[in-house]
């Protein structure tokens, strides 16, 4: 029985938080472009009949979800465990500040988190642990169903790590765009074996926006 998961990142955030580590501590708004992306994403998703929808409680996710609500028969399930990772002392810092302030490259953020080098940050073990709980709940509640999961870039990387049995650091340089769609089939039977298959990675329905 295959469960189809659509992992959806929130739209572009307000400009003052571009290339800034917001994580779970900054509950930011969407930019005007982010609202447009959310509309395009909702319209694209509307062609697929979803059985259930789960979402992070953070504002940028909820604002991205809003245009899709009109296509829903019921209410989304809000899972606090789907919120973005806590970046500790890096919170509020721009990517270009990290080297100057902490002597580390922001581009290697997953590597630094993996080795507990970011003061006050959530450990990767805790992050992956809470995502695993969310994933187990979704799969237990929606076997064989088609499910939308509105969340964050870091969360999508974490879920891919769990679903594809790859180290989280493998996804460090995998782009997860604003309002992007990643689709994974869970429990696919092939040649007598059952596994998970990545069907779509980082598709952006809004690319033709002016």
N, C-alpha and C. Protein backbone atom coordinates (compact mmCIF):
# COMPACT_ATOMS: atom_id res chain seq x y z
N UNK A 1 0.85 -1.19 0.00
CA UNK A 1 0.00 0.00 0.00
C UNK A 1 0.89 1.25 0.00
N UNK A 2 0.82 2.01 -1.07
CA UNK A 2 1.69 3.18 -1.22
C UNK A 2 1.03 4.44 -0.69
N UNK A 3 1.72 5.14 0.17
CA UNK A 3 1.28 6.44 0.65
C UNK A 3 2.07 7.52 -0.09
N UNK A 4 1.38 8.47 -0.63
CA UNK A 4 2.02 9.53 -1.45
C UNK A 4 2.13 10.80 -0.62
N UNK A 5 3.36 11.24 -0.40
CA UNK A 5 3.62 12.45 0.39
C UNK A 5 4.10 13.59 -0.50
N UNK A 6 3.40 14.70 -0.45
CA UNK A 6 3.84 15.94 -1.10
C UNK A 6 4.41 16.85 -0.01
N UNK A 7 5.70 17.09 -0.06
CA UNK A 7 6.38 17.94 0.92
C UNK A 7 6.51 19.34 0.33
N UNK A 8 5.91 20.33 0.97
CA UNK A 8 5.75 21.67 0.39
C UNK A 8 6.39 22.72 1.29
N UNK A 9 7.32 23.48 0.72
CA UNK A 9 7.94 24.55 1.49
C UNK A 9 7.08 25.81 1.41
N UNK A 10 7.15 26.62 2.45
CA UNK A 10 6.44 27.90 2.46
C UNK A 10 6.98 28.85 1.39
N UNK A 11 6.20 29.90 1.08
CA UNK A 11 6.60 30.89 0.09
C UNK A 11 7.70 31.82 0.59
N UNK A 12 8.17 32.67 -0.31
CA UNK A 12 9.24 33.62 0.02
C UNK A 12 8.84 34.48 1.21
N UNK A 13 9.78 34.67 2.13
CA UNK A 13 9.51 35.47 3.33
C UNK A 13 9.79 36.94 3.06
N UNK A 14 9.35 37.79 3.99
CA UNK A 14 9.54 39.23 3.85
C UNK A 14 11.02 39.56 3.67
N UNK A 15 11.30 40.62 2.92
CA UNK A 15 12.65 40.90 2.44
C UNK A 15 13.69 41.05 3.56
N UNK A 16 13.29 41.56 4.70
CA UNK A 16 14.28 41.77 5.77
C UNK A 16 14.84 40.46 6.31
N UNK A 17 14.20 39.33 5.97
CA UNK A 17 14.69 38.04 6.42
C UNK A 17 15.29 37.20 5.30
N UNK A 18 15.54 37.82 4.14
CA UNK A 18 16.19 37.07 3.07
C UNK A 18 17.62 36.73 3.48
N UNK A 19 18.00 35.48 3.27
CA UNK A 19 19.35 35.00 3.60
C UNK A 19 19.69 35.26 5.07
N UNK A 20 18.68 35.09 5.91
CA UNK A 20 18.84 35.22 7.35
C UNK A 20 18.39 33.91 7.99
N UNK A 21 19.11 33.48 9.03
CA UNK A 21 18.73 32.27 9.75
C UNK A 21 17.58 32.61 10.70
N UNK A 22 16.37 32.26 10.28
CA UNK A 22 15.19 32.54 11.10
C UNK A 22 14.82 31.38 11.99
N UNK A 23 14.86 30.18 11.42
CA UNK A 23 14.57 28.98 12.18
C UNK A 23 13.23 29.01 12.86
N UNK A 24 13.17 28.43 14.04
CA UNK A 24 11.90 28.31 14.77
C UNK A 24 11.64 29.50 15.68
N UNK A 25 12.61 30.41 15.80
CA UNK A 25 12.44 31.51 16.76
C UNK A 25 11.83 32.77 16.14
N UNK A 26 11.93 32.95 14.83
CA UNK A 26 11.40 34.14 14.17
C UNK A 26 10.18 33.74 13.36
N UNK A 27 9.02 34.25 13.76
CA UNK A 27 7.77 33.88 13.10
C UNK A 27 7.43 34.94 12.06
N UNK A 28 8.09 34.88 10.93
CA UNK A 28 8.06 35.94 9.92
C UNK A 28 6.85 35.83 8.99
N UNK A 29 6.60 36.93 8.30
CA UNK A 29 5.53 37.02 7.31
C UNK A 29 6.05 36.60 5.93
N UNK A 30 5.15 36.51 4.95
CA UNK A 30 5.53 36.32 3.56
C UNK A 30 5.73 37.67 2.88
N UNK A 31 6.56 37.68 1.86
CA UNK A 31 6.70 38.86 1.00
C UNK A 31 5.54 38.88 0.00
N UNK A 32 5.33 39.99 -0.72
CA UNK A 32 4.32 39.99 -1.78
C UNK A 32 4.54 38.86 -2.79
N UNK A 33 5.80 38.62 -3.15
CA UNK A 33 6.10 37.50 -4.06
C UNK A 33 5.74 36.17 -3.43
N UNK A 34 5.94 36.06 -2.11
CA UNK A 34 5.60 34.83 -1.42
C UNK A 34 4.12 34.53 -1.47
N UNK A 35 3.29 35.57 -1.37
CA UNK A 35 1.85 35.37 -1.46
C UNK A 35 1.46 34.91 -2.87
N UNK A 36 2.12 35.46 -3.89
CA UNK A 36 1.86 35.03 -5.27
C UNK A 36 2.27 33.57 -5.46
N UNK A 37 3.42 33.22 -4.91
CA UNK A 37 3.88 31.84 -5.00
C UNK A 37 2.89 30.89 -4.33
N UNK A 38 2.35 31.30 -3.19
CA UNK A 38 1.38 30.48 -2.47
C UNK A 38 0.13 30.24 -3.31
N UNK A 39 -0.31 31.27 -4.02
CA UNK A 39 -1.48 31.13 -4.90
C UNK A 39 -1.20 30.16 -6.04
N UNK A 40 -0.03 30.31 -6.66
CA UNK A 40 0.34 29.42 -7.77
C UNK A 40 0.48 27.98 -7.28
N UNK A 41 1.07 27.82 -6.12
CA UNK A 41 1.23 26.49 -5.55
C UNK A 41 -0.14 25.86 -5.28
N UNK A 42 -1.05 26.63 -4.70
CA UNK A 42 -2.39 26.12 -4.41
C UNK A 42 -3.12 25.71 -5.69
N UNK A 43 -3.00 26.52 -6.72
CA UNK A 43 -3.67 26.21 -7.99
C UNK A 43 -3.10 24.93 -8.61
N UNK A 44 -1.79 24.76 -8.50
CA UNK A 44 -1.16 23.57 -9.06
C UNK A 44 -1.57 22.32 -8.27
N UNK A 45 -1.61 22.45 -6.95
CA UNK A 45 -1.98 21.32 -6.10
C UNK A 45 -3.44 20.93 -6.26
N UNK A 46 -4.27 21.89 -6.68
CA UNK A 46 -5.72 21.65 -6.77
C UNK A 46 -6.07 20.56 -7.75
N UNK A 47 -5.18 20.24 -8.68
CA UNK A 47 -5.47 19.17 -9.65
C UNK A 47 -5.34 17.78 -9.04
N UNK A 48 -4.76 17.72 -7.84
CA UNK A 48 -4.56 16.43 -7.16
C UNK A 48 -5.55 16.30 -6.01
N UNK A 49 -6.33 15.22 -5.94
CA UNK A 49 -7.23 15.03 -4.81
C UNK A 49 -6.45 14.55 -3.58
N UNK A 50 -6.33 15.40 -2.59
CA UNK A 50 -5.61 15.05 -1.36
C UNK A 50 -6.58 14.50 -0.32
N UNK A 51 -6.11 13.48 0.38
CA UNK A 51 -6.92 12.88 1.44
C UNK A 51 -6.72 13.58 2.78
N UNK A 52 -5.55 14.21 2.96
CA UNK A 52 -5.25 14.85 4.24
C UNK A 52 -4.16 15.88 4.05
N UNK A 53 -4.09 16.80 5.01
CA UNK A 53 -3.07 17.85 4.97
C UNK A 53 -2.55 18.07 6.37
N UNK A 54 -1.23 18.12 6.49
CA UNK A 54 -0.55 18.40 7.76
C UNK A 54 0.31 19.63 7.58
N UNK A 55 0.53 20.38 8.66
CA UNK A 55 1.27 21.64 8.50
C UNK A 55 1.99 22.04 9.78
N UNK A 56 3.08 22.75 9.59
CA UNK A 56 3.78 23.43 10.68
C UNK A 56 2.89 24.57 11.19
N UNK A 57 3.00 24.90 12.48
CA UNK A 57 2.20 26.01 13.01
C UNK A 57 2.77 27.39 12.71
N UNK A 58 3.98 27.47 12.14
CA UNK A 58 4.63 28.77 11.98
C UNK A 58 3.92 29.63 10.94
N UNK A 59 3.94 30.94 11.16
CA UNK A 59 3.12 31.87 10.37
C UNK A 59 3.43 31.80 8.88
N UNK A 60 4.70 31.71 8.50
CA UNK A 60 5.03 31.69 7.08
C UNK A 60 4.43 30.47 6.37
N UNK A 61 4.29 29.38 7.12
CA UNK A 61 3.66 28.19 6.56
C UNK A 61 2.14 28.37 6.49
N UNK A 62 1.56 28.89 7.55
CA UNK A 62 0.12 29.07 7.56
C UNK A 62 -0.34 30.05 6.49
N UNK A 63 0.44 31.10 6.24
CA UNK A 63 0.10 32.05 5.18
C UNK A 63 0.21 31.41 3.80
N UNK A 64 1.17 30.51 3.63
CA UNK A 64 1.32 29.79 2.36
C UNK A 64 0.16 28.81 2.16
N UNK A 65 -0.28 28.23 3.25
CA UNK A 65 -1.39 27.28 3.21
C UNK A 65 -2.74 27.95 2.91
N UNK A 66 -2.90 29.19 3.32
CA UNK A 66 -4.21 29.86 3.24
C UNK A 66 -4.90 29.73 1.88
N UNK A 67 -4.21 29.99 0.75
CA UNK A 67 -4.91 29.88 -0.55
C UNK A 67 -5.38 28.47 -0.88
N UNK A 68 -4.76 27.48 -0.27
CA UNK A 68 -5.13 26.09 -0.55
C UNK A 68 -6.33 25.63 0.27
N UNK A 69 -6.67 26.39 1.31
CA UNK A 69 -7.77 25.98 2.19
C UNK A 69 -9.08 25.84 1.43
N UNK A 70 -9.27 26.66 0.38
CA UNK A 70 -10.53 26.60 -0.36
C UNK A 70 -10.70 25.29 -1.11
N UNK A 71 -9.60 24.55 -1.29
CA UNK A 71 -9.67 23.26 -1.98
C UNK A 71 -9.81 22.09 -1.01
N UNK A 72 -9.84 22.39 0.29
CA UNK A 72 -9.86 21.33 1.30
C UNK A 72 -11.28 21.01 1.74
N UNK A 73 -11.55 19.75 1.95
CA UNK A 73 -12.85 19.35 2.48
C UNK A 73 -12.87 19.49 4.01
N UNK A 74 -11.71 19.31 4.64
CA UNK A 74 -11.62 19.40 6.10
C UNK A 74 -10.53 20.37 6.52
N UNK A 75 -10.21 20.34 7.80
CA UNK A 75 -9.19 21.22 8.34
C UNK A 75 -7.82 20.53 8.34
N UNK A 76 -6.75 21.31 8.13
CA UNK A 76 -5.41 20.71 8.21
C UNK A 76 -5.08 20.31 9.65
N UNK A 77 -4.23 19.32 9.77
CA UNK A 77 -3.73 18.90 11.08
C UNK A 77 -2.44 19.66 11.35
N UNK A 78 -2.39 20.42 12.43
CA UNK A 78 -1.21 21.21 12.76
C UNK A 78 -0.31 20.38 13.68
N UNK A 79 0.92 20.16 13.25
CA UNK A 79 1.89 19.39 14.03
C UNK A 79 3.04 20.30 14.46
N UNK A 80 3.14 20.65 15.74
CA UNK A 80 4.24 21.49 16.21
C UNK A 80 5.61 20.92 15.87
N UNK A 81 5.72 19.62 15.77
CA UNK A 81 7.00 18.98 15.45
C UNK A 81 7.50 19.28 14.05
N UNK A 82 6.66 19.86 13.19
CA UNK A 82 7.07 20.21 11.83
C UNK A 82 7.65 21.63 11.72
N UNK A 83 7.78 22.32 12.87
CA UNK A 83 8.37 23.66 12.80
C UNK A 83 9.85 23.56 12.39
N UNK A 84 10.40 24.67 11.93
CA UNK A 84 11.78 24.69 11.46
C UNK A 84 12.75 24.43 12.61
N UNK A 85 13.98 24.06 12.28
CA UNK A 85 15.02 23.82 13.28
C UNK A 85 15.38 25.12 13.99
N UNK A 86 15.78 25.01 15.24
CA UNK A 86 16.22 26.16 16.04
C UNK A 86 17.71 26.38 15.80
N UNK A 87 18.06 27.55 15.24
CA UNK A 87 19.46 27.83 14.91
C UNK A 87 20.24 28.48 16.05
N UNK A 88 19.68 28.56 17.23
CA UNK A 88 20.42 29.07 18.38
C UNK A 88 20.99 30.45 18.15
N UNK A 89 22.30 30.62 18.43
CA UNK A 89 22.95 31.93 18.33
C UNK A 89 23.02 32.45 16.90
N UNK A 90 22.79 31.61 15.93
CA UNK A 90 22.78 32.08 14.54
C UNK A 90 21.46 32.77 14.18
N UNK A 91 20.45 32.62 15.01
CA UNK A 91 19.14 33.18 14.71
C UNK A 91 19.23 34.68 14.48
N UNK A 92 18.66 35.15 13.38
CA UNK A 92 18.67 36.57 13.05
C UNK A 92 19.91 37.04 12.32
N UNK A 93 20.89 36.15 12.15
CA UNK A 93 22.13 36.52 11.45
C UNK A 93 22.00 36.24 9.95
N UNK A 94 22.53 37.16 9.15
CA UNK A 94 22.59 36.94 7.72
C UNK A 94 23.68 35.94 7.38
N UNK A 95 23.54 35.31 6.23
CA UNK A 95 24.51 34.31 5.82
C UNK A 95 25.92 34.89 5.76
N UNK A 96 26.04 36.14 5.33
CA UNK A 96 27.36 36.74 5.20
C UNK A 96 27.96 37.11 6.56
N UNK A 97 27.15 37.15 7.61
CA UNK A 97 27.65 37.49 8.94
C UNK A 97 28.30 36.31 9.66
N UNK A 98 27.90 35.10 9.28
CA UNK A 98 28.31 33.93 10.05
C UNK A 98 29.83 33.77 10.08
N UNK A 99 30.49 33.96 8.95
CA UNK A 99 31.94 33.83 8.91
C UNK A 99 32.61 34.85 9.81
N UNK A 100 32.15 36.10 9.73
CA UNK A 100 32.76 37.17 10.51
C UNK A 100 32.52 37.00 12.02
N UNK A 101 31.32 36.60 12.38
CA UNK A 101 30.97 36.54 13.80
C UNK A 101 31.36 35.23 14.48
N UNK A 102 31.29 34.13 13.71
CA UNK A 102 31.49 32.82 14.33
C UNK A 102 32.64 32.02 13.72
N UNK A 103 33.25 32.55 12.65
CA UNK A 103 34.37 31.86 12.03
C UNK A 103 33.98 30.58 11.32
N UNK A 104 32.74 30.51 10.85
CA UNK A 104 32.24 29.32 10.17
C UNK A 104 31.51 29.72 8.89
N UNK A 105 31.48 28.81 7.93
CA UNK A 105 30.77 29.08 6.69
C UNK A 105 29.29 28.73 6.84
N UNK A 106 28.43 29.68 6.50
CA UNK A 106 27.00 29.43 6.57
C UNK A 106 26.58 28.32 5.60
N UNK A 107 27.32 28.15 4.52
CA UNK A 107 26.97 27.14 3.52
C UNK A 107 27.14 25.73 4.07
N UNK A 108 27.90 25.58 5.16
CA UNK A 108 28.11 24.28 5.79
C UNK A 108 27.27 24.14 7.06
N UNK A 109 26.09 24.77 7.06
CA UNK A 109 25.28 24.83 8.28
C UNK A 109 24.91 23.46 8.83
N UNK A 110 24.60 22.53 7.95
CA UNK A 110 24.24 21.19 8.45
C UNK A 110 25.44 20.49 9.08
N UNK A 111 26.60 20.70 8.49
CA UNK A 111 27.82 20.10 9.03
C UNK A 111 28.09 20.65 10.44
N UNK A 112 27.94 21.97 10.60
CA UNK A 112 28.18 22.58 11.91
C UNK A 112 27.14 22.12 12.94
N UNK A 113 25.88 22.02 12.52
CA UNK A 113 24.86 21.53 13.44
C UNK A 113 25.11 20.08 13.82
N UNK A 114 25.55 19.30 12.86
CA UNK A 114 25.80 17.88 13.11
C UNK A 114 26.86 17.69 14.19
N UNK A 115 27.82 18.61 14.24
CA UNK A 115 28.91 18.51 15.20
C UNK A 115 28.72 19.44 16.40
N UNK A 116 27.48 19.92 16.60
CA UNK A 116 27.11 20.76 17.75
C UNK A 116 28.02 21.98 17.89
N UNK A 117 28.29 22.64 16.76
CA UNK A 117 29.16 23.81 16.76
C UNK A 117 28.40 25.13 16.81
N UNK A 118 27.07 25.07 16.79
CA UNK A 118 26.26 26.28 16.82
C UNK A 118 25.67 26.41 18.22
N UNK A 119 26.17 27.39 18.97
CA UNK A 119 25.77 27.55 20.37
C UNK A 119 24.26 27.78 20.48
N UNK A 120 23.64 27.07 21.40
CA UNK A 120 22.21 27.25 21.67
C UNK A 120 21.29 26.62 20.66
N UNK A 121 21.84 26.00 19.61
CA UNK A 121 21.00 25.42 18.56
C UNK A 121 20.42 24.07 18.99
N UNK A 122 19.33 23.72 18.36
CA UNK A 122 18.75 22.40 18.54
C UNK A 122 19.70 21.35 18.00
N UNK A 123 19.86 20.25 18.71
CA UNK A 123 20.72 19.20 18.19
C UNK A 123 20.03 18.50 17.02
N UNK A 124 20.83 17.98 16.10
CA UNK A 124 20.24 17.27 14.97
C UNK A 124 19.50 16.02 15.44
N UNK A 125 19.99 15.40 16.50
CA UNK A 125 19.31 14.21 17.01
C UNK A 125 17.90 14.56 17.47
N UNK A 126 17.76 15.70 18.14
CA UNK A 126 16.43 16.12 18.59
C UNK A 126 15.55 16.50 17.41
N UNK A 127 16.13 17.24 16.45
CA UNK A 127 15.40 17.66 15.26
C UNK A 127 14.88 16.47 14.48
N UNK A 128 15.76 15.53 14.18
CA UNK A 128 15.35 14.35 13.43
C UNK A 128 14.38 13.50 14.24
N UNK A 129 14.56 13.48 15.55
CA UNK A 129 13.67 12.72 16.41
C UNK A 129 12.24 13.23 16.34
N UNK A 130 12.07 14.55 16.41
CA UNK A 130 10.70 15.08 16.37
C UNK A 130 10.08 14.94 14.97
N UNK A 131 10.92 15.04 13.93
CA UNK A 131 10.40 14.82 12.58
C UNK A 131 9.98 13.37 12.40
N UNK A 132 10.74 12.46 12.98
CA UNK A 132 10.40 11.04 12.88
C UNK A 132 9.05 10.76 13.54
N UNK A 133 8.80 11.39 14.66
CA UNK A 133 7.50 11.22 15.34
C UNK A 133 6.37 11.72 14.44
N UNK A 134 6.57 12.88 13.81
CA UNK A 134 5.56 13.43 12.90
C UNK A 134 5.33 12.50 11.72
N UNK A 135 6.42 12.02 11.13
CA UNK A 135 6.31 11.15 9.96
C UNK A 135 5.59 9.86 10.31
N UNK A 136 5.92 9.27 11.45
CA UNK A 136 5.24 8.05 11.87
C UNK A 136 3.76 8.28 12.08
N UNK A 137 3.40 9.44 12.64
CA UNK A 137 1.98 9.76 12.86
C UNK A 137 1.25 9.88 11.52
N UNK A 138 1.85 10.61 10.59
CA UNK A 138 1.21 10.81 9.28
C UNK A 138 1.00 9.48 8.57
N UNK A 139 2.03 8.65 8.54
CA UNK A 139 1.94 7.37 7.84
C UNK A 139 0.96 6.41 8.52
N UNK A 140 0.89 6.48 9.86
CA UNK A 140 -0.04 5.62 10.58
C UNK A 140 -1.49 6.05 10.35
N UNK A 141 -1.70 7.37 10.25
CA UNK A 141 -3.06 7.89 10.09
C UNK A 141 -3.55 7.88 8.65
N UNK A 142 -2.63 7.84 7.68
CA UNK A 142 -3.02 7.98 6.28
C UNK A 142 -2.44 6.87 5.39
N UNK A 143 -2.54 5.60 5.77
CA UNK A 143 -1.97 4.54 4.93
C UNK A 143 -2.65 4.48 3.57
N UNK A 144 -1.83 4.46 2.52
CA UNK A 144 -2.36 4.36 1.17
C UNK A 144 -3.02 5.62 0.65
N UNK A 145 -2.87 6.72 1.36
CA UNK A 145 -3.52 7.98 0.99
C UNK A 145 -2.53 8.93 0.32
N UNK A 146 -3.08 10.04 -0.19
CA UNK A 146 -2.27 11.11 -0.77
C UNK A 146 -2.32 12.29 0.21
N UNK A 147 -1.14 12.72 0.66
CA UNK A 147 -1.06 13.66 1.78
C UNK A 147 -0.17 14.85 1.42
N UNK A 148 -0.64 16.05 1.73
CA UNK A 148 0.17 17.26 1.59
C UNK A 148 0.75 17.63 2.95
N UNK A 149 2.03 18.00 2.97
CA UNK A 149 2.70 18.41 4.20
C UNK A 149 3.34 19.77 3.96
N UNK A 150 2.73 20.82 4.50
CA UNK A 150 3.26 22.18 4.38
C UNK A 150 4.25 22.43 5.51
N UNK A 151 5.49 22.79 5.16
CA UNK A 151 6.50 22.94 6.21
C UNK A 151 7.64 23.85 5.76
N UNK A 152 8.89 23.49 6.05
CA UNK A 152 10.06 24.35 5.87
C UNK A 152 11.16 23.63 5.11
N UNK A 153 12.12 24.41 4.62
CA UNK A 153 13.23 23.83 3.86
C UNK A 153 14.03 22.83 4.67
N UNK A 154 14.40 23.20 5.90
CA UNK A 154 15.16 22.28 6.74
C UNK A 154 14.36 21.03 7.09
N UNK A 155 13.07 21.21 7.29
CA UNK A 155 12.20 20.08 7.62
C UNK A 155 12.10 19.12 6.43
N UNK A 156 11.98 19.66 5.24
CA UNK A 156 11.92 18.79 4.06
C UNK A 156 13.21 17.99 3.91
N UNK A 157 14.34 18.64 4.13
CA UNK A 157 15.61 17.91 4.08
C UNK A 157 15.64 16.80 5.13
N UNK A 158 15.15 17.11 6.33
CA UNK A 158 15.11 16.10 7.39
C UNK A 158 14.19 14.94 7.06
N UNK A 159 13.03 15.24 6.49
CA UNK A 159 12.10 14.17 6.11
C UNK A 159 12.68 13.33 4.97
N UNK A 160 13.36 13.95 4.03
CA UNK A 160 14.01 13.19 2.96
C UNK A 160 15.08 12.26 3.53
N UNK A 161 15.81 12.76 4.52
CA UNK A 161 16.82 11.93 5.16
C UNK A 161 16.19 10.67 5.76
N UNK A 162 15.05 10.85 6.41
CA UNK A 162 14.35 9.71 7.02
C UNK A 162 13.75 8.79 5.96
N UNK A 163 13.11 9.37 4.97
CA UNK A 163 12.40 8.57 3.97
C UNK A 163 13.33 7.81 3.04
N UNK A 164 14.50 8.41 2.73
CA UNK A 164 15.42 7.81 1.77
C UNK A 164 16.62 7.15 2.44
N UNK A 165 16.61 7.15 3.78
CA UNK A 165 17.67 6.48 4.56
C UNK A 165 19.06 6.98 4.18
N UNK A 166 19.18 8.31 4.09
CA UNK A 166 20.45 8.95 3.78
C UNK A 166 20.81 9.92 4.91
N UNK A 167 22.11 10.13 5.16
CA UNK A 167 22.49 11.10 6.20
C UNK A 167 21.95 12.49 5.86
N UNK A 168 21.56 13.22 6.88
CA UNK A 168 21.00 14.55 6.66
C UNK A 168 22.00 15.45 5.92
N UNK A 169 23.29 15.29 6.22
CA UNK A 169 24.28 16.15 5.58
C UNK A 169 24.31 15.96 4.06
N UNK A 170 23.80 14.83 3.56
CA UNK A 170 23.75 14.60 2.11
C UNK A 170 22.88 15.63 1.43
N UNK A 171 21.90 16.19 2.17
CA UNK A 171 20.94 17.13 1.58
C UNK A 171 21.33 18.59 1.81
N UNK A 172 22.52 18.81 2.35
CA UNK A 172 22.96 20.17 2.67
C UNK A 172 22.94 21.08 1.45
N UNK A 173 23.39 20.55 0.32
CA UNK A 173 23.49 21.37 -0.89
C UNK A 173 22.41 20.98 -1.93
N UNK A 174 21.33 20.36 -1.44
CA UNK A 174 20.17 20.11 -2.28
C UNK A 174 19.23 21.31 -2.12
N UNK A 175 18.95 21.99 -3.21
CA UNK A 175 18.12 23.20 -3.13
C UNK A 175 16.66 22.82 -2.86
N UNK A 176 16.08 23.51 -1.89
CA UNK A 176 14.64 23.40 -1.60
C UNK A 176 14.09 24.82 -1.70
N UNK A 177 13.52 25.16 -2.84
CA UNK A 177 13.09 26.54 -3.09
C UNK A 177 11.81 26.89 -2.34
N UNK A 178 11.61 28.21 -2.22
CA UNK A 178 10.33 28.69 -1.69
C UNK A 178 9.18 28.12 -2.52
N UNK A 179 8.12 27.70 -1.83
CA UNK A 179 6.91 27.17 -2.48
C UNK A 179 7.24 26.04 -3.46
N UNK A 180 8.27 25.27 -3.13
CA UNK A 180 8.66 24.14 -3.96
C UNK A 180 7.94 22.86 -3.54
N UNK A 181 7.83 21.94 -4.49
CA UNK A 181 7.13 20.67 -4.27
C UNK A 181 8.12 19.52 -4.37
N UNK A 182 8.15 18.68 -3.35
CA UNK A 182 8.91 17.44 -3.38
C UNK A 182 7.94 16.30 -3.07
N UNK A 183 7.98 15.26 -3.88
CA UNK A 183 6.98 14.19 -3.79
C UNK A 183 7.71 12.86 -3.60
N UNK A 184 7.31 12.14 -2.55
CA UNK A 184 7.89 10.83 -2.24
C UNK A 184 6.77 9.82 -2.08
N UNK A 185 6.91 8.70 -2.78
CA UNK A 185 5.99 7.57 -2.59
C UNK A 185 6.58 6.64 -1.54
N UNK A 186 5.78 6.32 -0.54
CA UNK A 186 6.23 5.51 0.59
C UNK A 186 5.56 4.14 0.54
N UNK A 187 6.38 3.10 0.62
CA UNK A 187 5.84 1.74 0.61
C UNK A 187 5.58 1.19 -0.77
N UNK A 188 6.46 1.53 -1.72
CA UNK A 188 6.33 1.06 -3.10
C UNK A 188 6.83 -0.39 -3.19
N UNK A 189 6.03 -1.26 -3.80
CA UNK A 189 6.42 -2.66 -3.97
C UNK A 189 7.00 -2.88 -5.35
N UNK A 190 8.24 -3.36 -5.40
CA UNK A 190 8.90 -3.67 -6.66
C UNK A 190 9.79 -4.88 -6.48
N UNK A 191 9.67 -5.81 -7.40
CA UNK A 191 10.53 -7.01 -7.40
C UNK A 191 10.56 -7.67 -6.03
N UNK A 192 9.41 -7.75 -5.41
CA UNK A 192 9.31 -8.44 -4.13
C UNK A 192 9.82 -7.64 -2.94
N UNK A 193 10.21 -6.40 -3.17
CA UNK A 193 10.72 -5.56 -2.09
C UNK A 193 9.83 -4.34 -1.91
N UNK A 194 9.85 -3.78 -0.71
CA UNK A 194 9.07 -2.58 -0.41
C UNK A 194 10.05 -1.47 -0.03
N UNK A 195 9.89 -0.31 -0.67
CA UNK A 195 10.77 0.81 -0.37
C UNK A 195 10.09 2.13 -0.69
N UNK A 196 10.85 3.20 -0.54
CA UNK A 196 10.34 4.55 -0.81
C UNK A 196 11.02 5.11 -2.05
N UNK A 197 10.27 5.86 -2.85
CA UNK A 197 10.80 6.39 -4.09
C UNK A 197 10.56 7.89 -4.20
N UNK A 198 11.62 8.63 -4.52
CA UNK A 198 11.52 10.06 -4.78
C UNK A 198 11.02 10.26 -6.21
N UNK A 199 9.86 10.86 -6.35
CA UNK A 199 9.24 11.06 -7.66
C UNK A 199 9.47 12.46 -8.22
N UNK A 200 9.58 13.44 -7.35
CA UNK A 200 9.71 14.84 -7.77
C UNK A 200 10.50 15.58 -6.72
N UNK A 201 11.50 16.36 -7.15
CA UNK A 201 12.34 17.11 -6.21
C UNK A 201 12.36 18.58 -6.57
N UNK A 202 11.88 19.41 -5.66
CA UNK A 202 12.01 20.87 -5.78
C UNK A 202 11.39 21.43 -7.06
N UNK A 203 10.20 20.96 -7.39
CA UNK A 203 9.46 21.55 -8.50
C UNK A 203 8.79 22.84 -8.04
N UNK A 204 8.88 23.90 -8.84
CA UNK A 204 8.34 25.20 -8.46
C UNK A 204 7.28 25.65 -9.46
N UNK A 205 6.01 25.53 -9.12
CA UNK A 205 4.93 25.88 -10.06
C UNK A 205 4.86 27.36 -10.40
N UNK A 206 5.57 28.21 -9.66
CA UNK A 206 5.49 29.65 -9.85
C UNK A 206 6.61 30.22 -10.73
N UNK A 207 7.43 29.41 -11.34
CA UNK A 207 8.63 29.90 -12.04
C UNK A 207 8.34 30.89 -13.14
N UNK A 208 7.14 30.87 -13.72
CA UNK A 208 6.86 31.78 -14.81
C UNK A 208 6.27 33.11 -14.33
N UNK A 209 6.30 33.34 -13.01
CA UNK A 209 5.85 34.64 -12.50
C UNK A 209 6.77 35.75 -13.02
N UNK A 210 6.21 36.94 -13.37
CA UNK A 210 7.06 38.03 -13.87
C UNK A 210 7.98 38.55 -12.78
